[in-house]
N, C-alpha and C. Protein backbone atom coordinates (compact mmCIF):
# COMPACT_ATOMS: atom_id res chain seq x y z
N MET A 1 76.96 92.03 94.65
CA MET A 1 77.96 92.70 93.85
C MET A 1 79.05 91.69 93.49
N ARG A 2 79.45 91.70 92.22
CA ARG A 2 80.53 90.84 91.74
C ARG A 2 81.74 91.74 91.51
N LEU A 3 82.82 91.53 92.29
CA LEU A 3 83.93 92.46 92.31
C LEU A 3 85.24 91.83 91.87
N PHE A 4 86.16 92.70 91.42
CA PHE A 4 87.55 92.32 91.18
C PHE A 4 88.42 93.55 91.28
N ALA A 5 89.69 93.34 91.63
CA ALA A 5 90.67 94.43 91.69
C ALA A 5 91.58 94.29 90.48
N ALA A 6 91.89 95.42 89.84
CA ALA A 6 92.64 95.34 88.58
C ALA A 6 93.42 96.62 88.31
N LEU A 7 94.29 96.51 87.32
CA LEU A 7 95.03 97.65 86.78
C LEU A 7 94.42 98.01 85.44
N SER A 8 94.15 99.29 85.25
CA SER A 8 93.69 99.76 83.94
C SER A 8 94.89 99.96 83.03
N LEU A 9 94.64 100.04 81.74
CA LEU A 9 95.69 100.23 80.75
C LEU A 9 95.60 101.63 80.15
N PRO A 10 96.74 102.21 79.76
CA PRO A 10 96.71 103.51 79.09
C PRO A 10 95.94 103.44 77.77
N ASP A 11 95.27 104.54 77.42
CA ASP A 11 94.45 104.59 76.20
C ASP A 11 95.23 104.20 74.95
N GLY A 12 96.46 104.65 74.83
CA GLY A 12 97.26 104.34 73.64
C GLY A 12 97.52 102.85 73.50
N ILE A 13 97.75 102.17 74.60
CA ILE A 13 97.97 100.72 74.57
C ILE A 13 96.67 100.00 74.25
N VAL A 14 95.56 100.46 74.83
CA VAL A 14 94.25 99.87 74.52
C VAL A 14 93.98 99.98 73.03
N ALA A 15 94.27 101.12 72.42
CA ALA A 15 94.05 101.31 70.98
C ALA A 15 94.90 100.34 70.16
N ARG A 16 96.16 100.15 70.55
CA ARG A 16 97.03 99.20 69.84
C ARG A 16 96.51 97.78 69.95
N ILE A 17 96.08 97.39 71.15
CA ILE A 17 95.54 96.04 71.35
C ILE A 17 94.29 95.85 70.51
N ASN A 18 93.41 96.84 70.51
CA ASN A 18 92.14 96.74 69.79
C ASN A 18 92.35 96.52 68.29
N MET A 19 93.43 97.05 67.75
CA MET A 19 93.69 96.89 66.31
C MET A 19 93.96 95.44 65.93
N MET A 20 94.41 94.62 66.86
CA MET A 20 94.70 93.23 66.50
C MET A 20 93.54 92.28 66.79
N CYS A 21 92.45 92.77 67.36
CA CYS A 21 91.36 91.91 67.81
C CYS A 21 90.40 91.52 66.69
N SER A 22 90.85 90.63 65.82
CA SER A 22 90.00 90.06 64.77
C SER A 22 90.76 88.89 64.17
N GLY A 23 90.05 88.08 63.39
CA GLY A 23 90.73 87.03 62.65
C GLY A 23 90.62 85.63 63.24
N ILE A 24 89.86 85.48 64.31
CA ILE A 24 89.64 84.14 64.87
C ILE A 24 88.13 83.91 64.89
N PRO A 25 87.63 83.08 63.98
CA PRO A 25 86.18 82.83 63.93
C PRO A 25 85.66 82.32 65.27
N GLY A 26 84.55 82.90 65.71
CA GLY A 26 83.91 82.46 66.95
C GLY A 26 84.49 83.07 68.22
N ALA A 27 85.56 83.84 68.11
CA ALA A 27 86.13 84.47 69.30
C ALA A 27 85.21 85.59 69.77
N ARG A 28 85.05 85.70 71.08
CA ARG A 28 84.31 86.83 71.67
C ARG A 28 85.37 87.77 72.22
N TRP A 29 85.63 88.83 71.45
CA TRP A 29 86.69 89.77 71.80
C TRP A 29 86.26 90.65 72.96
N VAL A 30 87.18 90.94 73.85
CA VAL A 30 86.92 91.82 74.98
C VAL A 30 86.80 93.24 74.44
N GLU A 31 85.77 93.95 74.90
CA GLU A 31 85.57 95.34 74.49
C GLU A 31 86.76 96.17 74.98
N PRO A 32 87.20 97.16 74.19
CA PRO A 32 88.38 97.95 74.58
C PRO A 32 88.28 98.54 75.98
N GLU A 33 87.10 99.03 76.36
CA GLU A 33 86.94 99.65 77.68
C GLU A 33 87.03 98.63 78.82
N ASN A 34 86.99 97.34 78.49
CA ASN A 34 87.07 96.30 79.52
C ASN A 34 88.46 95.66 79.62
N LEU A 35 89.42 96.09 78.82
CA LEU A 35 90.77 95.53 78.89
C LEU A 35 91.43 95.97 80.19
N HIS A 36 92.02 95.02 80.91
CA HIS A 36 92.64 95.30 82.20
C HIS A 36 93.56 94.15 82.59
N ILE A 37 94.29 94.33 83.68
CA ILE A 37 95.12 93.29 84.28
C ILE A 37 94.51 92.99 85.64
N THR A 38 93.94 91.82 85.81
CA THR A 38 93.32 91.46 87.08
C THR A 38 94.38 91.19 88.13
N LEU A 39 94.25 91.85 89.27
CA LEU A 39 95.11 91.57 90.42
C LEU A 39 94.49 90.48 91.29
N ARG A 40 93.15 90.53 91.43
CA ARG A 40 92.47 89.53 92.24
C ARG A 40 90.99 89.53 91.90
N PHE A 41 90.46 88.37 91.49
CA PHE A 41 89.03 88.22 91.32
C PHE A 41 88.45 87.97 92.71
N ILE A 42 87.38 88.67 93.04
CA ILE A 42 86.77 88.55 94.36
C ILE A 42 85.48 87.73 94.27
N GLY A 43 84.65 88.05 93.31
CA GLY A 43 83.38 87.33 93.16
C GLY A 43 82.24 88.06 93.84
N GLU A 44 81.15 87.32 94.08
CA GLU A 44 79.93 87.89 94.65
C GLU A 44 80.10 88.16 96.14
N VAL A 45 79.81 89.41 96.54
CA VAL A 45 79.85 89.79 97.95
C VAL A 45 78.65 90.68 98.25
N ASP A 46 78.30 90.76 99.53
CA ASP A 46 77.23 91.67 99.95
C ASP A 46 77.82 93.06 100.20
N GLU A 47 76.95 94.03 100.42
CA GLU A 47 77.38 95.42 100.59
C GLU A 47 78.34 95.61 101.77
N PRO A 48 78.06 95.05 102.96
CA PRO A 48 79.02 95.23 104.06
C PRO A 48 80.40 94.65 103.76
N THR A 49 80.45 93.52 103.08
CA THR A 49 81.74 92.92 102.71
C THR A 49 82.45 93.80 101.69
N ALA A 50 81.71 94.34 100.73
CA ALA A 50 82.30 95.25 99.73
C ALA A 50 82.90 96.47 100.42
N GLU A 51 82.22 97.00 101.42
CA GLU A 51 82.74 98.15 102.16
C GLU A 51 84.01 97.79 102.91
N GLU A 52 84.05 96.59 103.51
CA GLU A 52 85.26 96.16 104.22
C GLU A 52 86.43 95.96 103.26
N ILE A 53 86.14 95.38 102.09
CA ILE A 53 87.18 95.22 101.07
C ILE A 53 87.71 96.59 100.64
N ASN A 54 86.80 97.53 100.39
CA ASN A 54 87.21 98.88 100.00
C ASN A 54 88.08 99.51 101.08
N PHE A 55 87.68 99.37 102.33
CA PHE A 55 88.46 99.93 103.45
C PHE A 55 89.86 99.32 103.46
N ASN A 56 89.95 98.00 103.37
CA ASN A 56 91.25 97.32 103.40
C ASN A 56 92.12 97.73 102.22
N LEU A 57 91.53 97.81 101.03
CA LEU A 57 92.31 98.19 99.85
C LEU A 57 92.80 99.63 99.96
N SER A 58 92.00 100.49 100.57
CA SER A 58 92.37 101.90 100.68
C SER A 58 93.58 102.12 101.60
N HIS A 59 93.93 101.13 102.39
CA HIS A 59 95.06 101.25 103.31
C HIS A 59 96.33 100.59 102.77
N ILE A 60 96.30 100.13 101.53
CA ILE A 60 97.50 99.54 100.93
C ILE A 60 98.49 100.64 100.58
N GLU A 61 99.71 100.45 100.99
CA GLU A 61 100.80 101.35 100.60
C GLU A 61 101.78 100.56 99.76
N ALA A 62 101.96 101.02 98.54
CA ALA A 62 102.90 100.38 97.61
C ALA A 62 103.38 101.43 96.63
N PRO A 63 104.59 101.26 96.12
CA PRO A 63 105.13 102.26 95.18
C PRO A 63 104.55 102.10 93.77
N ALA A 64 104.52 103.20 93.05
CA ALA A 64 104.21 103.14 91.62
C ALA A 64 105.35 102.39 90.92
N PHE A 65 105.07 101.82 89.76
CA PHE A 65 106.08 101.03 89.05
C PHE A 65 105.74 100.99 87.56
N ASP A 66 106.68 100.50 86.78
CA ASP A 66 106.49 100.37 85.34
C ASP A 66 106.21 98.93 84.98
N LEU A 67 105.38 98.74 83.94
CA LEU A 67 105.03 97.41 83.43
C LEU A 67 105.19 97.39 81.92
N GLU A 68 105.39 96.18 81.39
CA GLU A 68 105.40 95.95 79.94
C GLU A 68 104.47 94.79 79.61
N LEU A 69 103.84 94.89 78.46
CA LEU A 69 103.05 93.80 77.91
C LEU A 69 103.88 93.17 76.81
N GLN A 70 103.83 91.83 76.72
CA GLN A 70 104.65 91.17 75.71
C GLN A 70 104.15 89.76 75.43
N GLY A 71 103.98 89.45 74.14
CA GLY A 71 103.65 88.10 73.70
C GLY A 71 102.20 87.72 73.92
N LEU A 72 101.79 86.65 73.23
CA LEU A 72 100.43 86.14 73.33
C LEU A 72 100.48 84.68 73.74
N ASN A 73 99.40 84.24 74.39
CA ASN A 73 99.29 82.84 74.77
C ASN A 73 97.82 82.52 75.01
N THR A 74 97.54 81.29 75.41
CA THR A 74 96.18 80.88 75.71
C THR A 74 96.14 80.14 77.03
N PHE A 75 94.97 80.15 77.64
CA PHE A 75 94.67 79.21 78.72
C PHE A 75 93.96 78.07 78.02
N GLY A 76 94.47 76.85 78.20
CA GLY A 76 94.02 75.70 77.43
C GLY A 76 94.82 75.64 76.14
N GLN A 77 94.90 74.48 75.54
CA GLN A 77 95.70 74.30 74.33
C GLN A 77 94.86 73.78 73.17
N GLY A 78 95.26 74.15 71.95
CA GLY A 78 94.59 73.65 70.74
C GLY A 78 93.11 73.97 70.74
N HIS A 79 92.28 72.97 70.39
CA HIS A 79 90.84 73.20 70.34
C HIS A 79 90.22 73.32 71.73
N LYS A 80 91.01 73.07 72.80
CA LYS A 80 90.53 73.23 74.17
C LYS A 80 90.90 74.60 74.75
N ALA A 81 91.53 75.44 73.95
CA ALA A 81 91.86 76.79 74.40
C ALA A 81 90.56 77.55 74.69
N HIS A 82 90.50 78.23 75.83
CA HIS A 82 89.28 78.95 76.18
C HIS A 82 89.49 80.45 76.34
N SER A 83 90.75 80.89 76.45
CA SER A 83 91.04 82.32 76.55
C SER A 83 92.33 82.64 75.83
N LEU A 84 92.34 83.75 75.10
CA LEU A 84 93.53 84.26 74.43
C LEU A 84 93.97 85.49 75.19
N TRP A 85 95.27 85.60 75.50
CA TRP A 85 95.74 86.71 76.30
C TRP A 85 97.11 87.21 75.91
N ILE A 86 97.37 88.48 76.34
CA ILE A 86 98.69 89.11 76.19
C ILE A 86 99.39 88.99 77.54
N GLY A 87 100.65 88.62 77.51
CA GLY A 87 101.42 88.48 78.73
C GLY A 87 101.80 89.82 79.34
N VAL A 88 101.99 89.80 80.66
CA VAL A 88 102.42 90.97 81.42
C VAL A 88 103.67 90.56 82.19
N SER A 89 104.72 91.37 82.13
CA SER A 89 105.94 91.08 82.87
C SER A 89 105.64 91.05 84.36
N LEU A 90 105.99 89.94 85.02
CA LEU A 90 105.78 89.83 86.46
C LEU A 90 106.98 90.41 87.18
N THR A 91 106.92 91.72 87.41
CA THR A 91 108.00 92.41 88.10
C THR A 91 107.86 92.19 89.60
N PRO A 92 108.92 92.40 90.37
CA PRO A 92 108.80 92.31 91.83
C PRO A 92 107.76 93.29 92.38
N GLU A 93 107.65 94.47 91.78
CA GLU A 93 106.69 95.46 92.25
C GLU A 93 105.25 95.01 92.00
N LEU A 94 105.00 94.40 90.84
CA LEU A 94 103.67 93.88 90.55
C LEU A 94 103.33 92.74 91.50
N ALA A 95 104.27 91.83 91.72
CA ALA A 95 104.04 90.71 92.65
C ALA A 95 103.75 91.24 94.05
N HIS A 96 104.48 92.27 94.48
CA HIS A 96 104.27 92.88 95.80
C HIS A 96 102.86 93.46 95.91
N LEU A 97 102.44 94.23 94.91
CA LEU A 97 101.11 94.83 94.93
C LEU A 97 100.04 93.74 94.93
N GLN A 98 100.19 92.74 94.09
CA GLN A 98 99.20 91.68 94.02
C GLN A 98 99.08 90.96 95.37
N HIS A 99 100.20 90.72 96.02
CA HIS A 99 100.19 90.07 97.34
C HIS A 99 99.46 90.94 98.37
N LYS A 100 99.70 92.25 98.35
CA LYS A 100 99.03 93.16 99.29
C LYS A 100 97.52 93.19 99.02
N VAL A 101 97.13 93.22 97.74
CA VAL A 101 95.70 93.21 97.39
C VAL A 101 95.06 91.91 97.86
N ASP A 102 95.72 90.79 97.59
CA ASP A 102 95.20 89.49 98.00
C ASP A 102 95.04 89.44 99.52
N SER A 103 96.04 89.91 100.26
CA SER A 103 95.97 89.90 101.72
C SER A 103 94.82 90.76 102.23
N ALA A 104 94.60 91.92 101.62
CA ALA A 104 93.51 92.80 102.04
C ALA A 104 92.16 92.12 101.83
N ILE A 105 92.02 91.38 100.76
CA ILE A 105 90.76 90.70 100.46
C ILE A 105 90.56 89.51 101.40
N LEU A 106 91.64 88.80 101.71
CA LEU A 106 91.56 87.70 102.68
C LEU A 106 91.14 88.22 104.05
N ARG A 107 91.68 89.38 104.46
CA ARG A 107 91.32 89.97 105.76
C ARG A 107 89.84 90.35 105.82
N ALA A 108 89.22 90.54 104.68
CA ALA A 108 87.79 90.85 104.63
C ALA A 108 86.95 89.57 104.66
N GLY A 109 87.61 88.43 104.87
CA GLY A 109 86.88 87.18 105.02
C GLY A 109 86.62 86.42 103.74
N GLN A 110 87.24 86.84 102.65
CA GLN A 110 87.03 86.15 101.38
C GLN A 110 87.97 84.96 101.26
N PRO A 111 87.55 83.91 100.55
CA PRO A 111 88.41 82.73 100.41
C PRO A 111 89.63 83.04 99.56
N PRO A 112 90.71 82.27 99.76
CA PRO A 112 91.91 82.48 98.94
C PRO A 112 91.64 82.16 97.47
N GLU A 113 92.40 82.80 96.61
CA GLU A 113 92.33 82.52 95.17
C GLU A 113 92.90 81.13 94.94
N GLY A 114 92.21 80.33 94.19
CA GLY A 114 92.65 78.95 93.96
C GLY A 114 93.69 78.80 92.87
N ARG A 115 93.90 79.85 92.08
CA ARG A 115 94.84 79.77 90.97
C ARG A 115 96.07 80.62 91.23
N LYS A 116 97.18 80.18 90.66
CA LYS A 116 98.42 80.95 90.73
C LYS A 116 98.23 82.24 89.94
N PHE A 117 98.81 83.33 90.44
CA PHE A 117 98.71 84.62 89.76
C PHE A 117 99.52 84.58 88.48
N THR A 118 98.84 84.76 87.36
CA THR A 118 99.46 84.83 86.04
C THR A 118 99.02 86.16 85.43
N PRO A 119 99.84 87.21 85.55
CA PRO A 119 99.39 88.51 85.05
C PRO A 119 99.22 88.49 83.54
N HIS A 120 98.07 88.97 83.09
CA HIS A 120 97.76 88.95 81.66
C HIS A 120 96.62 89.93 81.36
N VAL A 121 96.44 90.20 80.08
CA VAL A 121 95.31 90.97 79.58
C VAL A 121 94.52 90.04 78.68
N THR A 122 93.30 89.69 79.07
CA THR A 122 92.48 88.81 78.25
C THR A 122 92.02 89.55 77.01
N LEU A 123 92.30 88.94 75.83
CA LEU A 123 91.87 89.52 74.56
C LEU A 123 90.53 88.97 74.10
N ALA A 124 90.34 87.64 74.28
CA ALA A 124 89.14 87.00 73.76
C ALA A 124 88.82 85.74 74.54
N ARG A 125 87.54 85.42 74.57
CA ARG A 125 87.06 84.13 75.08
C ARG A 125 86.86 83.25 73.85
N LEU A 126 87.25 82.01 73.97
CA LEU A 126 87.22 81.11 72.83
C LEU A 126 86.33 79.90 73.11
N ALA A 127 85.61 79.45 72.10
CA ALA A 127 84.79 78.25 72.21
C ALA A 127 85.19 77.30 71.08
N LYS A 128 85.95 76.28 71.43
CA LYS A 128 86.42 75.28 70.46
C LYS A 128 87.01 75.94 69.21
N PRO A 129 88.06 76.72 69.37
CA PRO A 129 88.64 77.40 68.21
C PRO A 129 89.32 76.42 67.26
N GLU A 130 89.36 76.80 66.01
CA GLU A 130 90.12 76.02 65.03
C GLU A 130 91.60 76.20 65.38
N ALA A 131 92.25 75.12 65.79
CA ALA A 131 93.62 75.19 66.33
C ALA A 131 94.59 75.85 65.36
N GLY A 132 94.49 75.57 64.08
CA GLY A 132 95.39 76.15 63.09
C GLY A 132 95.25 77.66 63.00
N ARG A 133 94.01 78.14 62.97
CA ARG A 133 93.77 79.60 62.90
C ARG A 133 94.27 80.29 64.16
N LEU A 134 94.02 79.66 65.30
CA LEU A 134 94.47 80.24 66.56
C LEU A 134 95.99 80.30 66.60
N GLN A 135 96.64 79.22 66.22
CA GLN A 135 98.11 79.20 66.23
C GLN A 135 98.67 80.24 65.25
N SER A 136 98.07 80.37 64.09
CA SER A 136 98.52 81.38 63.12
C SER A 136 98.37 82.79 63.68
N PHE A 137 97.25 83.04 64.38
CA PHE A 137 97.03 84.34 64.99
C PHE A 137 98.11 84.63 66.02
N ILE A 138 98.39 83.64 66.87
CA ILE A 138 99.41 83.83 67.91
C ILE A 138 100.77 84.06 67.27
N GLU A 139 101.13 83.26 66.29
CA GLU A 139 102.43 83.42 65.62
C GLU A 139 102.54 84.78 64.93
N GLY A 140 101.45 85.23 64.33
CA GLY A 140 101.46 86.51 63.62
C GLY A 140 101.51 87.72 64.53
N ASN A 141 101.12 87.55 65.79
CA ASN A 141 101.06 88.68 66.73
C ASN A 141 101.96 88.51 67.95
N ASN A 142 102.73 87.44 67.99
CA ASN A 142 103.49 87.12 69.19
C ASN A 142 104.61 88.11 69.49
N LEU A 143 105.00 88.92 68.52
CA LEU A 143 106.03 89.93 68.79
C LEU A 143 105.44 91.20 69.38
N PHE A 144 104.12 91.20 69.63
CA PHE A 144 103.48 92.37 70.23
C PHE A 144 104.19 92.72 71.53
N LYS A 145 104.47 94.00 71.68
CA LYS A 145 105.10 94.51 72.89
C LYS A 145 104.58 95.92 73.10
N ALA A 146 104.25 96.25 74.34
CA ALA A 146 103.77 97.59 74.66
C ALA A 146 104.34 98.00 76.01
N GLY A 147 104.76 99.24 76.08
CA GLY A 147 105.29 99.76 77.32
C GLY A 147 106.78 99.97 77.19
N PRO A 148 107.41 100.32 78.27
CA PRO A 148 106.82 100.33 79.60
C PRO A 148 105.86 101.50 79.81
N PHE A 149 104.91 101.28 80.71
CA PHE A 149 104.00 102.33 81.13
C PHE A 149 103.96 102.32 82.66
N THR A 150 103.68 103.47 83.23
CA THR A 150 103.68 103.62 84.68
C THR A 150 102.33 103.24 85.27
N VAL A 151 102.38 102.39 86.27
CA VAL A 151 101.19 102.02 87.04
C VAL A 151 101.24 102.85 88.32
N ASP A 152 100.29 103.77 88.47
CA ASP A 152 100.28 104.63 89.64
C ASP A 152 99.00 104.49 90.46
N ARG A 153 98.18 103.49 90.10
CA ARG A 153 96.94 103.24 90.83
C ARG A 153 96.39 101.87 90.47
N PHE A 154 95.52 101.37 91.31
CA PHE A 154 94.75 100.18 90.98
C PHE A 154 93.30 100.48 91.32
N THR A 155 92.39 99.64 90.86
CA THR A 155 90.96 99.96 90.92
C THR A 155 90.15 98.76 91.38
N LEU A 156 89.12 99.05 92.15
CA LEU A 156 88.11 98.05 92.50
C LEU A 156 86.97 98.20 91.50
N PHE A 157 86.68 97.12 90.78
CA PHE A 157 85.64 97.13 89.76
C PHE A 157 84.46 96.25 90.17
N GLU A 158 83.28 96.65 89.70
CA GLU A 158 82.11 95.79 89.77
C GLU A 158 81.86 95.26 88.36
N SER A 159 81.54 93.98 88.27
CA SER A 159 81.24 93.35 86.99
C SER A 159 79.76 92.97 86.96
N GLN A 160 79.07 93.47 85.94
CA GLN A 160 77.67 93.11 85.75
C GLN A 160 77.54 92.42 84.40
N THR A 161 76.97 91.22 84.41
CA THR A 161 76.82 90.48 83.17
C THR A 161 75.46 90.77 82.55
N GLY A 162 75.47 90.80 81.23
CA GLY A 162 74.24 91.07 80.49
C GLY A 162 74.29 90.36 79.15
N LYS A 163 73.28 90.60 78.33
CA LYS A 163 73.19 89.95 77.03
C LYS A 163 74.38 90.27 76.13
N GLY A 164 74.86 91.50 76.18
CA GLY A 164 75.97 91.93 75.33
C GLY A 164 77.33 91.65 75.93
N GLY A 165 77.40 90.94 77.05
CA GLY A 165 78.67 90.68 77.72
C GLY A 165 78.74 91.43 79.03
N SER A 166 79.89 91.39 79.65
CA SER A 166 80.08 92.03 80.95
C SER A 166 80.30 93.53 80.80
N VAL A 167 79.82 94.27 81.79
CA VAL A 167 80.06 95.69 81.89
C VAL A 167 80.81 95.91 83.20
N TYR A 168 81.97 96.55 83.12
CA TYR A 168 82.79 96.80 84.30
C TYR A 168 82.65 98.26 84.70
N THR A 169 82.38 98.47 85.98
CA THR A 169 82.24 99.81 86.52
C THR A 169 83.29 100.02 87.60
N ALA A 170 84.09 101.07 87.45
CA ALA A 170 85.10 101.39 88.46
C ALA A 170 84.38 101.94 89.68
N LEU A 171 84.60 101.31 90.84
CA LEU A 171 83.98 101.76 92.08
C LEU A 171 84.91 102.68 92.86
N GLU A 172 86.20 102.36 92.85
CA GLU A 172 87.16 103.14 93.63
C GLU A 172 88.55 102.96 93.06
N ASP A 173 89.31 104.06 92.98
CA ASP A 173 90.73 104.03 92.59
C ASP A 173 91.57 104.19 93.85
N TYR A 174 92.72 103.51 93.87
CA TYR A 174 93.64 103.57 94.99
C TYR A 174 95.01 103.97 94.44
N ALA A 175 95.50 105.11 94.90
CA ALA A 175 96.78 105.63 94.38
C ALA A 175 97.95 104.86 94.97
N LEU A 176 98.97 104.68 94.12
CA LEU A 176 100.25 104.12 94.56
C LEU A 176 101.19 105.29 94.77
N THR A 177 102.10 105.18 95.71
CA THR A 177 102.96 106.31 96.06
C THR A 177 104.19 106.36 95.17
């Protein structure tokens, strides 16, 4: 099983994001139903480890909170950009939840995440994009803002890759108080 913990987005925000997903030749746009904010990528685990992760996540206590999405950016620059994303405000509440999720996954014996937590919503995967078109897209959409919206749960997802891209299945929701 290939797992990750994430926050889902409200339908209205997903619809707004989906309206801007075009205009970059060669971009592989994320399907609307797959838009999310990753709290922690877990990777491949066996069934007993998945059960331990689920148990640990189910014992997290954290308050519900509000989030906003704002601005666009890329991982990688120019023709080396490989992902286009919308920024997420890193509130103290989001940082607290992410830390608790990370700790729960570490307690299940998983290795630490090697990257710094950068909350975002991935819009597209890019393969050697034309730098001018990408920059124009970012400049034309950089005032995008959505929210605030209330985050009252997080989810453990399974990711299955196939010919048409990844399919994410929600395995368990965990309520925030």
